[in-house]
Amino acid sequence: MFNNINAVLFDLDGTLIDSAPDLGAAADKMRTDRGLESLPLSLYRPMAGAGARGMIAVAFGLTPQDAEFDRLKEEFFANYEACLVEHTYVFDGVAELIARICHAGLKWGVVTNKSARFTIPLTRAMPLFSTAQTIISGDTMPHAKPHPAPLLEAARQLEMAPEHCIYVGDDERDILAGRAAGMPTVAAAYGYLGAVSDTTGWKADFTITAPSGLLNLLKMA
C-alpha cells in the first residue's frame, strides 16, 4: 500500500477509457475504403495503446520506417477525429474510483502520449474528466513518455512533489516514465498491454487487474 500520496496520475487509453473501438474503426475504414476486408476489433484492441503506429501496423502491416506510413497516418488521424467518442467508454469501475479519489481530497490528472488534437476534445466530451486538475498530452512537452518530463509537468501543475504522486498506466513506457520521475507506479494489467501478457518485467511497484484494485493500494477499500 502507498503512504503519503496526495495525487493520482493516470494514462488515458487503456487505463481510464477504452478507446479501442473508435481507434480500430478509424483504421479499419482505411481498409474498407480500399476494398480490403474488414478486420475484427480483437486484432486492433491489443495495439490500441500505440495509437496510429499500432493501428496502421494491424491494418496494413506497416511501420513508421515505411514510405507510405506518414500519408496513412494523416488519413488515420482524420478518420479518428471524425469518430472520437462514438464508441469510446469509461472502463467499469473507473467512475467510482475517481469519485472516491475526489472524496478523499486527493488531486488527480491525466498524462497521455495522445496529442492534444485528440486529448482536448475527447476529455471535454466525457464527463469523467470534469474534475481532473491537470491533463498533459503527448505534445504538451518537448518529450513524451517514457521521458519523465510530462509527469514532472503534471506534478508541477498540481503543486505536488513527484514522490507524493502515483502514476497508473497500461504500458511499459508508463512505468519507465513514472520511475524516472521519482513517482511510485502501478501497472494496469486490465489495459491493452500491447504484445505483452505479463507485466512483471516492467518492475512497477504494484499491479492491478481492475480499476478498483487501486482503492486497496490507496487504503480506500
Protein backbone atom coordinates (compact mmCIF):
# COMPACT_ATOMS: atom_id res chain seq x y z
CA MET A 1 0.00 0.00 0.00
CA PHE A 2 1.03 3.59 -0.57
CA ASN A 3 1.71 6.18 2.10
CA ASN A 4 1.88 9.97 1.81
CA ILE A 5 0.18 10.06 -1.59
CA ASN A 6 -1.66 13.27 -2.39
CA ALA A 7 -2.29 12.90 -6.11
CA VAL A 8 -3.01 10.17 -8.66
CA LEU A 9 -1.98 10.48 -12.29
CA PHE A 10 -3.31 8.16 -14.98
CA ASP A 11 -2.52 7.21 -18.52
CA LEU A 12 -5.60 7.67 -20.70
CA ASP A 13 -6.23 4.99 -23.35
CA GLY A 14 -6.34 1.51 -21.86
CA THR A 15 -6.20 2.81 -18.30
CA LEU A 16 -9.20 5.12 -17.83
CA ILE A 17 -11.03 4.68 -21.13
CA ASP A 18 -11.46 2.00 -23.76
CA SER A 19 -10.91 3.89 -27.00
CA ALA A 20 -10.05 0.77 -28.99
CA PRO A 21 -13.45 0.62 -30.77
CA ASP A 22 -13.01 4.10 -32.25
CA LEU A 23 -9.29 3.73 -32.94
CA GLY A 24 -9.91 0.40 -34.61
CA ALA A 25 -12.82 1.77 -36.63
CA ALA A 26 -10.67 4.66 -37.89
CA ALA A 27 -8.01 2.22 -39.12
CA ASP A 28 -10.48 -0.31 -40.47
CA LYS A 29 -12.21 2.37 -42.56
CA MET A 30 -8.90 2.83 -44.35
CA ARG A 31 -9.01 -0.85 -45.30
CA THR A 32 -12.62 -0.92 -46.44
CA ASP A 33 -12.15 2.34 -48.38
CA ARG A 34 -9.52 0.43 -50.36
CA GLY A 35 -11.74 -2.56 -50.94
CA LEU A 36 -9.98 -4.70 -48.35
CA GLU A 37 -11.89 -6.89 -45.94
CA SER A 38 -12.72 -5.56 -42.50
CA LEU A 39 -10.67 -6.86 -39.59
CA PRO A 40 -12.19 -7.72 -36.18
CA LEU A 41 -11.75 -5.38 -33.24
CA SER A 42 -9.96 -8.20 -31.38
CA LEU A 43 -6.95 -7.66 -33.66
CA TYR A 44 -6.86 -3.90 -33.12
CA ARG A 45 -7.54 -3.84 -29.37
CA PRO A 46 -4.15 -5.07 -28.03
CA MET A 47 -2.30 -2.39 -30.02
CA ALA A 48 -4.67 0.50 -29.29
CA GLY A 49 -2.24 1.98 -26.78
CA ALA A 50 0.26 2.54 -29.58
CA GLY A 51 -2.08 4.91 -31.42
CA ALA A 52 -1.53 5.43 -35.15
CA ARG A 53 1.61 3.30 -35.12
CA GLY A 54 -0.27 0.33 -33.64
CA MET A 55 -3.41 0.73 -35.74
CA ILE A 56 -1.58 1.06 -39.05
CA ALA A 57 0.60 -1.92 -38.17
CA VAL A 58 -2.51 -4.04 -37.69
CA ALA A 59 -4.40 -2.69 -40.69
CA PHE A 60 -1.54 -2.71 -43.21
CA GLY A 61 1.49 -4.33 -41.60
CA LEU A 62 3.47 -1.10 -41.98
CA THR A 63 5.84 0.68 -39.60
CA PRO A 64 6.99 4.32 -39.37
CA GLN A 65 10.01 3.33 -41.46
CA ASP A 66 7.82 2.53 -44.47
CA ALA A 67 7.47 5.22 -47.16
CA GLU A 68 3.67 5.14 -47.06
CA PHE A 69 3.37 5.45 -43.30
CA ASP A 70 3.16 9.25 -42.93
CA ARG A 71 0.42 9.54 -45.56
CA LEU A 72 -1.56 6.75 -43.96
CA LYS A 73 -1.05 8.29 -40.53
CA GLU A 74 -2.68 11.56 -41.60
CA GLU A 75 -5.59 9.67 -43.12
CA PHE A 76 -5.95 7.69 -39.90
CA PHE A 77 -5.91 10.91 -37.84
CA ALA A 78 -8.69 12.43 -39.98
CA ASN A 79 -10.80 9.29 -39.62
CA TYR A 80 -10.24 9.14 -35.87
CA GLU A 81 -11.07 12.81 -35.39
CA ALA A 82 -14.44 12.14 -37.04
CA CYS A 83 -15.38 9.35 -34.62
CA LEU A 84 -13.50 10.37 -31.47
CA VAL A 85 -16.12 9.40 -28.88
CA GLU A 86 -18.67 7.41 -30.86
CA HIS A 87 -17.90 4.12 -29.14
CA THR A 88 -15.25 5.09 -26.57
CA TYR A 89 -16.30 4.41 -22.99
CA VAL A 90 -15.00 4.59 -19.45
CA PHE A 91 -13.81 1.24 -18.09
CA ASP A 92 -16.07 -0.36 -15.48
CA GLY A 93 -15.11 0.83 -12.01
CA VAL A 94 -13.24 3.94 -13.16
CA ALA A 95 -16.03 6.45 -12.42
CA GLU A 96 -16.36 5.11 -8.87
CA LEU A 97 -12.58 5.15 -8.45
CA ILE A 98 -12.34 8.80 -9.50
CA ALA A 99 -15.27 9.72 -7.26
CA ARG A 100 -13.56 8.07 -4.28
CA ILE A 101 -10.26 9.82 -5.08
CA CYS A 102 -12.02 13.18 -5.17
CA HIS A 103 -14.00 12.43 -1.99
CA ALA A 104 -10.74 11.63 -0.20
CA GLY A 105 -9.39 15.05 -1.13
CA LEU A 106 -6.71 13.76 -3.48
CA LYS A 107 -5.89 15.55 -6.70
CA TRP A 108 -5.89 13.65 -9.97
CA GLY A 109 -4.99 14.10 -13.58
CA VAL A 110 -4.05 12.53 -16.89
CA VAL A 111 -0.68 12.13 -18.61
CA THR A 112 -1.03 10.62 -22.07
CA ASN A 113 1.02 10.33 -25.24
CA LYS A 114 -2.12 11.13 -27.24
CA SER A 115 -1.68 14.50 -28.93
CA ALA A 116 -3.70 17.49 -27.75
CA ARG A 117 -5.54 17.46 -31.09
CA PHE A 118 -7.44 14.45 -29.73
CA THR A 119 -6.97 14.65 -25.97
CA ILE A 120 -8.62 18.04 -25.53
CA PRO A 121 -11.90 17.38 -27.39
CA LEU A 122 -12.12 13.85 -26.04
CA THR A 123 -11.74 14.82 -22.38
CA ARG A 124 -14.11 17.76 -22.83
CA ALA A 125 -16.74 15.44 -24.27
CA MET A 126 -16.58 12.88 -21.44
CA PRO A 127 -18.00 13.94 -18.03
CA LEU A 128 -15.43 11.82 -16.15
CA PHE A 129 -12.72 14.41 -16.77
CA SER A 130 -14.57 17.43 -15.38
CA THR A 131 -12.77 17.00 -12.05
CA ALA A 132 -9.29 16.37 -13.48
CA GLN A 133 -6.88 19.05 -12.30
CA THR A 134 -4.26 18.52 -14.97
CA ILE A 135 -4.29 16.94 -18.43
CA ILE A 136 -0.93 16.56 -20.14
CA SER A 137 -0.92 15.47 -23.78
CA GLY A 138 1.83 13.82 -25.76
CA ASP A 139 2.84 17.13 -27.32
CA THR A 140 2.46 19.34 -24.23
CA MET A 141 6.18 18.96 -23.53
CA PRO A 142 9.14 18.59 -25.91
CA HIS A 143 9.39 14.93 -24.87
CA ALA A 144 6.68 12.28 -24.48
CA LYS A 145 6.73 9.18 -22.29
CA PRO A 146 8.87 7.24 -21.43
CA HIS A 147 10.64 10.55 -20.79
CA PRO A 148 9.70 11.83 -17.30
CA ALA A 149 9.07 15.42 -18.43
CA PRO A 150 5.27 15.06 -18.91
CA LEU A 151 4.85 13.54 -15.46
CA LEU A 152 7.03 16.17 -13.84
CA GLU A 153 4.96 18.88 -15.54
CA ALA A 154 1.76 17.31 -14.23
CA ALA A 155 3.19 17.28 -10.70
CA ARG A 156 4.23 20.92 -11.11
CA GLN A 157 0.73 21.89 -12.20
CA LEU A 158 -0.73 20.05 -9.22
CA GLU A 159 1.83 21.73 -6.94
CA MET A 160 2.92 18.32 -5.70
CA ALA A 161 6.33 16.77 -5.20
CA PRO A 162 6.66 13.82 -7.60
CA GLU A 163 7.15 11.35 -4.73
CA HIS A 164 3.68 12.27 -3.46
CA CYS A 165 2.07 11.32 -6.79
CA ILE A 166 1.48 7.84 -8.16
CA TYR A 167 1.27 7.03 -11.85
CA VAL A 168 -1.00 4.33 -13.24
CA GLY A 169 -0.62 3.02 -16.80
CA ASP A 170 -1.05 0.00 -19.05
CA ASP A 171 2.22 0.21 -21.00
CA GLU A 172 5.83 -0.33 -20.03
CA ARG A 173 6.67 3.22 -21.09
CA ASP A 174 4.25 4.45 -18.41
CA ILE A 175 6.15 2.62 -15.72
CA LEU A 176 9.52 3.75 -17.10
CA ALA A 177 8.34 7.36 -17.12
CA GLY A 178 6.94 7.13 -13.60
CA ARG A 179 10.10 5.60 -12.21
CA ALA A 180 12.26 8.20 -13.99
CA ALA A 181 10.10 10.95 -12.49
CA GLY A 182 10.52 9.53 -8.99
CA MET A 183 6.87 8.50 -8.68
CA PRO A 184 5.52 5.22 -7.31
CA THR A 185 3.99 3.26 -10.20
CA VAL A 186 1.06 0.95 -10.79
CA ALA A 187 0.68 -1.30 -13.84
CA ALA A 188 -2.91 -1.54 -15.10
CA ALA A 189 -2.94 -5.16 -16.26
CA TYR A 190 -6.55 -4.83 -17.44
CA GLY A 191 -5.43 -2.48 -20.24
CA TYR A 192 -4.17 -3.03 -23.75
CA LEU A 193 -0.61 -4.17 -22.83
CA GLY A 194 0.46 -4.41 -26.49
CA ALA A 195 2.09 -7.75 -27.24
CA VAL A 196 2.81 -8.37 -23.54
CA SER A 197 0.70 -10.61 -21.30
CA ASP A 198 2.91 -10.47 -18.20
CA THR A 199 3.75 -7.06 -16.74
CA THR A 200 6.24 -8.40 -14.18
CA GLY A 201 9.22 -7.26 -16.24
CA TRP A 202 8.03 -3.67 -16.08
CA LYS A 203 9.04 -3.52 -12.39
CA ALA A 204 6.06 -1.44 -11.32
CA ASP A 205 5.58 -1.05 -7.59
CA PHE A 206 2.19 -2.73 -7.82
CA THR A 207 -0.05 -4.31 -10.46
CA ILE A 208 -3.85 -4.14 -10.52
CA THR A 209 -6.21 -6.30 -12.58
CA ALA A 210 -9.19 -3.93 -12.30
CA PRO A 211 -9.53 -0.18 -11.57
CA SER A 212 -10.99 -0.98 -8.15
CA GLY A 213 -7.66 -2.55 -7.19
CA LEU A 214 -6.23 0.93 -6.78
CA LEU A 215 -8.62 1.55 -3.88
CA ASN A 216 -6.83 -1.11 -1.85
CA LEU A 217 -3.45 0.46 -2.57
CA LEU A 218 -4.75 3.88 -1.54
CA LYS A 219 -6.32 2.37 1.60
CA MET A 220 -9.81 3.38 0.46
CA ALA A 221 -11.33 -0.10 0.14
